[in-house]
Amino acid sequence: MPEADQDTGAASATRNTPARISVWAALLGAGLIAGIFLTPMFWLLYGGLYTLLVFASGVVAIPAGHLGRRRGKHLGGRDRGVALLGIVTGWVLILFALLLVLAYAGLLAGLAYFADSTS
């Protein structure tokens, strides 16, 4: 029985959890971006929430990716590429969130200008 416990302990010791967290956060953010493009009406209604979640996914993916790269170095290169994917995707998510803020502000400013010009 103790041998089975040692086997599961050894398997979890070689797992690169930060790299996996990084890539899952990046995938969540990419899924939210797909949701924004597939359902633009929901983005208009819940734009702030979508943008916050995309930004938060990027903020989680970047430090977890850096930790995963460092842990991967100690594990002989295990999941270092996955961690790098999380880092790059995290930065893209943050950039996209900032573009969403600009788009939402531009939409509101355009609507305000249109409403003011018709009266």
N, C-alpha and C. Protein backbone atom coordinates (compact mmCIF):
# COMPACT_ATOMS: atom_id res chain seq x y z
N MET A 1 0.80 -1.20 0.00
CA MET A 1 0.00 0.00 0.00
C MET A 1 0.85 1.28 0.00
N PRO A 2 1.93 1.36 0.79
CA PRO A 2 2.74 2.57 0.74
C PRO A 2 3.40 2.80 -0.60
N GLU A 3 3.65 1.74 -1.37
CA GLU A 3 4.26 1.93 -2.68
C GLU A 3 3.34 2.69 -3.63
N ALA A 4 2.03 2.44 -3.53
CA ALA A 4 1.07 3.16 -4.37
C ALA A 4 1.07 4.64 -4.03
N ASP A 5 1.19 4.97 -2.74
CA ASP A 5 1.25 6.36 -2.34
C ASP A 5 2.50 7.04 -2.87
N GLN A 6 3.61 6.31 -2.88
CA GLN A 6 4.84 6.87 -3.41
C GLN A 6 4.74 7.09 -4.91
N ASP A 7 4.05 6.20 -5.63
CA ASP A 7 3.91 6.37 -7.07
C ASP A 7 3.10 7.61 -7.40
N THR A 8 1.99 7.81 -6.69
CA THR A 8 1.18 9.00 -6.98
C THR A 8 1.91 10.27 -6.55
N GLY A 9 2.70 10.19 -5.49
CA GLY A 9 3.48 11.35 -5.07
C GLY A 9 4.55 11.70 -6.09
N ALA A 10 5.16 10.68 -6.67
CA ALA A 10 6.19 10.93 -7.68
C ALA A 10 5.57 11.50 -8.95
N ALA A 11 4.37 11.04 -9.29
CA ALA A 11 3.72 11.56 -10.50
C ALA A 11 3.33 13.02 -10.32
N SER A 12 2.85 13.39 -9.13
CA SER A 12 2.47 14.78 -8.92
C SER A 12 3.69 15.67 -8.76
N ALA A 13 4.83 15.09 -8.35
CA ALA A 13 6.05 15.90 -8.21
C ALA A 13 6.61 16.29 -9.57
N THR A 14 6.35 15.50 -10.60
CA THR A 14 6.88 15.83 -11.92
C THR A 14 5.87 16.59 -12.78
N ARG A 15 4.75 16.94 -12.22
CA ARG A 15 3.73 17.67 -12.97
C ARG A 15 4.05 19.16 -12.93
N ASN A 16 3.93 19.80 -14.05
CA ASN A 16 4.19 21.23 -14.14
C ASN A 16 2.85 21.97 -14.07
N THR A 17 2.34 22.12 -12.87
CA THR A 17 1.02 22.71 -12.66
C THR A 17 0.94 24.17 -13.11
N PRO A 18 1.92 25.03 -12.82
CA PRO A 18 1.79 26.43 -13.28
C PRO A 18 1.66 26.54 -14.80
N ALA A 19 2.36 25.70 -15.54
CA ALA A 19 2.26 25.75 -16.99
C ALA A 19 0.86 25.37 -17.43
N ARG A 20 0.28 24.38 -16.79
CA ARG A 20 -1.07 23.97 -17.15
C ARG A 20 -2.10 25.03 -16.77
N ILE A 21 -1.92 25.67 -15.62
CA ILE A 21 -2.81 26.77 -15.24
C ILE A 21 -2.71 27.91 -16.26
N SER A 22 -1.50 28.19 -16.68
CA SER A 22 -1.28 29.26 -17.66
C SER A 22 -2.01 28.98 -18.96
N VAL A 23 -1.88 27.76 -19.47
CA VAL A 23 -2.51 27.46 -20.76
C VAL A 23 -4.02 27.38 -20.61
N TRP A 24 -4.53 26.92 -19.48
CA TRP A 24 -5.98 26.90 -19.30
C TRP A 24 -6.56 28.31 -19.17
N ALA A 25 -5.86 29.20 -18.50
CA ALA A 25 -6.31 30.58 -18.43
C ALA A 25 -6.29 31.22 -19.82
N ALA A 26 -5.27 30.91 -20.60
CA ALA A 26 -5.18 31.45 -21.96
C ALA A 26 -6.31 30.90 -22.83
N LEU A 27 -6.62 29.62 -22.67
CA LEU A 27 -7.73 29.04 -23.44
C LEU A 27 -9.07 29.63 -23.02
N LEU A 28 -9.24 29.91 -21.73
CA LEU A 28 -10.47 30.56 -21.28
C LEU A 28 -10.61 31.94 -21.92
N GLY A 29 -9.54 32.70 -21.92
CA GLY A 29 -9.58 34.03 -22.55
C GLY A 29 -9.84 33.95 -24.04
N ALA A 30 -9.22 32.98 -24.71
CA ALA A 30 -9.46 32.81 -26.15
C ALA A 30 -10.91 32.41 -26.41
N GLY A 31 -11.47 31.59 -25.53
CA GLY A 31 -12.89 31.23 -25.66
C GLY A 31 -13.80 32.43 -25.46
N LEU A 32 -13.42 33.31 -24.55
CA LEU A 32 -14.21 34.53 -24.35
C LEU A 32 -14.14 35.44 -25.57
N ILE A 33 -12.96 35.51 -26.19
CA ILE A 33 -12.84 36.30 -27.42
C ILE A 33 -13.71 35.71 -28.52
N ALA A 34 -13.71 34.39 -28.63
CA ALA A 34 -14.58 33.74 -29.62
C ALA A 34 -16.04 34.05 -29.31
N GLY A 35 -16.39 34.04 -28.03
CA GLY A 35 -17.76 34.38 -27.65
C GLY A 35 -18.13 35.81 -28.00
N ILE A 36 -17.17 36.71 -27.90
CA ILE A 36 -17.43 38.11 -28.25
C ILE A 36 -17.73 38.23 -29.74
N PHE A 37 -16.96 37.52 -30.57
CA PHE A 37 -17.18 37.62 -32.01
C PHE A 37 -18.41 36.84 -32.46
N LEU A 38 -18.73 35.75 -31.78
CA LEU A 38 -19.89 34.96 -32.18
C LEU A 38 -21.20 35.55 -31.68
N THR A 39 -21.18 36.27 -30.58
CA THR A 39 -22.39 36.86 -30.02
C THR A 39 -22.14 38.33 -29.70
N PRO A 40 -22.07 39.19 -30.71
CA PRO A 40 -21.75 40.59 -30.44
C PRO A 40 -22.82 41.31 -29.62
N MET A 41 -24.06 40.84 -29.66
CA MET A 41 -25.10 41.50 -28.87
C MET A 41 -24.82 41.33 -27.38
N PHE A 42 -24.31 40.16 -26.97
CA PHE A 42 -23.97 39.97 -25.57
C PHE A 42 -22.81 40.86 -25.17
N TRP A 43 -21.88 41.10 -26.12
CA TRP A 43 -20.78 42.00 -25.80
C TRP A 43 -21.30 43.41 -25.57
N LEU A 44 -22.30 43.82 -26.36
CA LEU A 44 -22.86 45.16 -26.15
C LEU A 44 -23.56 45.26 -24.80
N LEU A 45 -24.21 44.17 -24.38
CA LEU A 45 -24.91 44.19 -23.10
C LEU A 45 -23.96 44.01 -21.92
N TYR A 46 -23.02 43.09 -22.05
CA TYR A 46 -22.13 42.75 -20.95
C TYR A 46 -20.67 43.00 -21.31
N GLY A 47 -20.41 44.09 -22.00
CA GLY A 47 -19.06 44.39 -22.47
C GLY A 47 -18.05 44.53 -21.35
N GLY A 48 -18.44 45.15 -20.27
CA GLY A 48 -17.52 45.32 -19.15
C GLY A 48 -17.13 44.00 -18.53
N LEU A 49 -18.09 43.10 -18.38
CA LEU A 49 -17.81 41.80 -17.78
C LEU A 49 -16.92 40.96 -18.69
N TYR A 50 -17.24 40.92 -19.98
CA TYR A 50 -16.40 40.19 -20.94
C TYR A 50 -14.97 40.73 -20.92
N THR A 51 -14.83 42.04 -20.94
CA THR A 51 -13.52 42.65 -20.97
C THR A 51 -12.74 42.36 -19.69
N LEU A 52 -13.42 42.44 -18.56
CA LEU A 52 -12.76 42.14 -17.29
C LEU A 52 -12.29 40.69 -17.24
N LEU A 53 -13.11 39.77 -17.72
CA LEU A 53 -12.73 38.36 -17.70
C LEU A 53 -11.58 38.06 -18.67
N VAL A 54 -11.58 38.71 -19.83
CA VAL A 54 -10.47 38.53 -20.76
C VAL A 54 -9.18 39.08 -20.15
N PHE A 55 -9.27 40.25 -19.55
CA PHE A 55 -8.10 40.84 -18.90
C PHE A 55 -7.60 39.98 -17.74
N ALA A 56 -8.53 39.49 -16.91
CA ALA A 56 -8.14 38.64 -15.77
C ALA A 56 -7.51 37.34 -16.24
N SER A 57 -8.00 36.78 -17.33
CA SER A 57 -7.39 35.56 -17.87
C SER A 57 -5.95 35.82 -18.29
N GLY A 58 -5.71 36.96 -18.92
CA GLY A 58 -4.35 37.32 -19.31
C GLY A 58 -3.45 37.55 -18.11
N VAL A 59 -4.00 38.19 -17.08
CA VAL A 59 -3.21 38.47 -15.88
C VAL A 59 -2.86 37.18 -15.14
N VAL A 60 -3.72 36.19 -15.19
CA VAL A 60 -3.41 34.89 -14.57
C VAL A 60 -2.42 34.11 -15.44
N ALA A 61 -2.58 34.16 -16.75
CA ALA A 61 -1.76 33.34 -17.65
C ALA A 61 -0.30 33.76 -17.65
N ILE A 62 -0.02 35.05 -17.54
CA ILE A 62 1.37 35.51 -17.66
C ILE A 62 2.24 35.07 -16.48
N PRO A 63 1.87 35.39 -15.23
CA PRO A 63 2.76 34.94 -14.14
C PRO A 63 2.79 33.42 -13.99
N ALA A 64 1.66 32.76 -14.24
CA ALA A 64 1.66 31.30 -14.16
C ALA A 64 2.56 30.71 -15.24
N GLY A 65 2.60 31.33 -16.40
CA GLY A 65 3.48 30.87 -17.47
C GLY A 65 4.95 31.04 -17.11
N HIS A 66 5.28 32.16 -16.47
CA HIS A 66 6.66 32.36 -16.05
C HIS A 66 7.06 31.34 -14.98
N LEU A 67 6.16 31.10 -14.04
CA LEU A 67 6.44 30.06 -13.04
C LEU A 67 6.57 28.69 -13.69
N GLY A 68 5.74 28.42 -14.68
CA GLY A 68 5.81 27.15 -15.39
C GLY A 68 7.10 27.00 -16.18
N ARG A 69 7.60 28.08 -16.76
CA ARG A 69 8.89 28.01 -17.46
C ARG A 69 10.02 27.70 -16.48
N ARG A 70 9.99 28.34 -15.32
CA ARG A 70 11.03 28.08 -14.32
C ARG A 70 10.95 26.65 -13.80
N ARG A 71 9.73 26.20 -13.51
CA ARG A 71 9.56 24.83 -13.02
C ARG A 71 9.92 23.83 -14.11
N GLY A 72 9.61 24.14 -15.35
CA GLY A 72 9.96 23.26 -16.45
C GLY A 72 11.46 23.11 -16.62
N LYS A 73 12.21 24.16 -16.30
CA LYS A 73 13.67 24.08 -16.36
C LYS A 73 14.18 23.05 -15.34
N HIS A 74 13.55 23.02 -14.18
CA HIS A 74 13.96 22.07 -13.14
C HIS A 74 13.47 20.65 -13.46
N LEU A 75 12.45 20.54 -14.27
CA LEU A 75 11.90 19.22 -14.63
C LEU A 75 12.46 18.70 -15.94
N GLY A 76 13.51 19.28 -16.43
CA GLY A 76 14.13 18.80 -17.66
C GLY A 76 13.40 19.25 -18.92
N GLY A 77 12.75 20.39 -18.88
CA GLY A 77 12.09 20.91 -20.07
C GLY A 77 10.63 20.52 -20.21
N ARG A 78 10.06 19.92 -19.19
CA ARG A 78 8.68 19.45 -19.28
C ARG A 78 7.70 20.64 -19.29
N ASP A 79 6.89 20.71 -20.32
CA ASP A 79 5.82 21.71 -20.48
C ASP A 79 6.34 23.15 -20.56
N ARG A 80 7.58 23.35 -20.93
CA ARG A 80 8.08 24.72 -21.08
C ARG A 80 7.44 25.41 -22.27
N GLY A 81 7.18 24.66 -23.33
CA GLY A 81 6.52 25.22 -24.50
C GLY A 81 5.08 25.61 -24.21
N VAL A 82 4.42 24.80 -23.40
CA VAL A 82 3.05 25.11 -23.00
C VAL A 82 3.03 26.40 -22.18
N ALA A 83 4.01 26.54 -21.29
CA ALA A 83 4.09 27.75 -20.47
C ALA A 83 4.36 28.98 -21.35
N LEU A 84 5.22 28.83 -22.35
CA LEU A 84 5.49 29.94 -23.26
C LEU A 84 4.24 30.33 -24.05
N LEU A 85 3.48 29.33 -24.46
CA LEU A 85 2.20 29.61 -25.14
C LEU A 85 1.27 30.39 -24.23
N GLY A 86 1.23 30.03 -22.96
CA GLY A 86 0.40 30.76 -22.00
C GLY A 86 0.85 32.20 -21.83
N ILE A 87 2.18 32.41 -21.80
CA ILE A 87 2.70 33.77 -21.64
C ILE A 87 2.33 34.63 -22.85
N VAL A 88 2.59 34.12 -24.04
CA VAL A 88 2.32 34.89 -25.27
C VAL A 88 0.82 35.16 -25.40
N THR A 89 0.01 34.13 -25.16
CA THR A 89 -1.44 34.31 -25.26
C THR A 89 -1.94 35.27 -24.19
N GLY A 90 -1.34 35.24 -23.01
CA GLY A 90 -1.74 36.18 -21.95
C GLY A 90 -1.51 37.62 -22.36
N TRP A 91 -0.36 37.90 -22.98
CA TRP A 91 -0.11 39.27 -23.45
C TRP A 91 -1.08 39.66 -24.56
N VAL A 92 -1.41 38.72 -25.43
CA VAL A 92 -2.39 39.01 -26.49
C VAL A 92 -3.76 39.29 -25.88
N LEU A 93 -4.11 38.56 -24.83
CA LEU A 93 -5.40 38.79 -24.16
C LEU A 93 -5.46 40.16 -23.52
N ILE A 94 -4.37 40.57 -22.89
CA ILE A 94 -4.36 41.91 -22.28
C ILE A 94 -4.47 42.99 -23.35
N LEU A 95 -3.74 42.82 -24.45
CA LEU A 95 -3.84 43.77 -25.56
C LEU A 95 -5.27 43.81 -26.11
N PHE A 96 -5.87 42.65 -26.27
CA PHE A 96 -7.24 42.59 -26.78
C PHE A 96 -8.22 43.25 -25.81
N ALA A 97 -8.01 43.07 -24.51
CA ALA A 97 -8.88 43.70 -23.52
C ALA A 97 -8.78 45.22 -23.60
N LEU A 98 -7.57 45.72 -23.79
CA LEU A 98 -7.41 47.17 -23.94
C LEU A 98 -8.08 47.68 -25.21
N LEU A 99 -7.99 46.89 -26.28
CA LEU A 99 -8.69 47.27 -27.52
C LEU A 99 -10.21 47.23 -27.33
N LEU A 100 -10.69 46.30 -26.54
CA LEU A 100 -12.13 46.24 -26.25
C LEU A 100 -12.59 47.48 -25.48
N VAL A 101 -11.77 47.95 -24.55
CA VAL A 101 -12.11 49.17 -23.81
C VAL A 101 -12.19 50.35 -24.77
N LEU A 102 -11.22 50.44 -25.69
CA LEU A 102 -11.25 51.53 -26.67
C LEU A 102 -12.46 51.41 -27.59
N ALA A 103 -12.79 50.20 -28.00
CA ALA A 103 -13.94 50.01 -28.89
C ALA A 103 -15.24 50.36 -28.18
N TYR A 104 -15.35 49.96 -26.93
CA TYR A 104 -16.57 50.26 -26.18
C TYR A 104 -16.70 51.76 -25.94
N ALA A 105 -15.59 52.42 -25.61
CA ALA A 105 -15.63 53.87 -25.42
C ALA A 105 -15.94 54.58 -26.73
N GLY A 106 -15.38 54.09 -27.83
CA GLY A 106 -15.68 54.69 -29.13
C GLY A 106 -17.12 54.49 -29.53
N LEU A 107 -17.67 53.34 -29.22
CA LEU A 107 -19.08 53.09 -29.52
C LEU A 107 -19.97 54.04 -28.73
N LEU A 108 -19.68 54.20 -27.45
CA LEU A 108 -20.49 55.11 -26.64
C LEU A 108 -20.32 56.56 -27.08
N ALA A 109 -19.10 56.95 -27.42
CA ALA A 109 -18.88 58.32 -27.89
C ALA A 109 -19.57 58.55 -29.23
N GLY A 110 -19.54 57.57 -30.11
CA GLY A 110 -20.22 57.69 -31.39
C GLY A 110 -21.72 57.79 -31.24
N LEU A 111 -22.27 57.00 -30.33
CA LEU A 111 -23.70 57.07 -30.09
C LEU A 111 -24.10 58.42 -29.46
N ALA A 112 -23.26 58.92 -28.57
CA ALA A 112 -23.53 60.23 -27.97
C ALA A 112 -23.47 61.33 -29.02
N TYR A 113 -22.50 61.25 -29.93
CA TYR A 113 -22.38 62.25 -30.99
C TYR A 113 -23.58 62.16 -31.94
N PHE A 114 -23.99 60.93 -32.28
CA PHE A 114 -25.13 60.74 -33.16
C PHE A 114 -26.41 61.25 -32.51
N ALA A 115 -26.59 60.98 -31.23
CA ALA A 115 -27.79 61.46 -30.54
C ALA A 115 -27.79 62.97 -30.41
N ASP A 116 -26.62 63.56 -30.23
CA ASP A 116 -26.54 65.02 -30.09
C ASP A 116 -26.75 65.71 -31.44
N SER A 117 -26.32 65.07 -32.54
CA SER A 117 -26.44 65.72 -33.84
C SER A 117 -27.88 65.63 -34.38
N THR A 118 -28.67 64.69 -33.89
CA THR A 118 -30.04 64.58 -34.39
C THR A 118 -31.00 65.54 -33.69
N SER A 119 -30.59 66.06 -32.54
CA SER A 119 -31.51 66.96 -31.82
C SER A 119 -31.26 68.41 -32.11
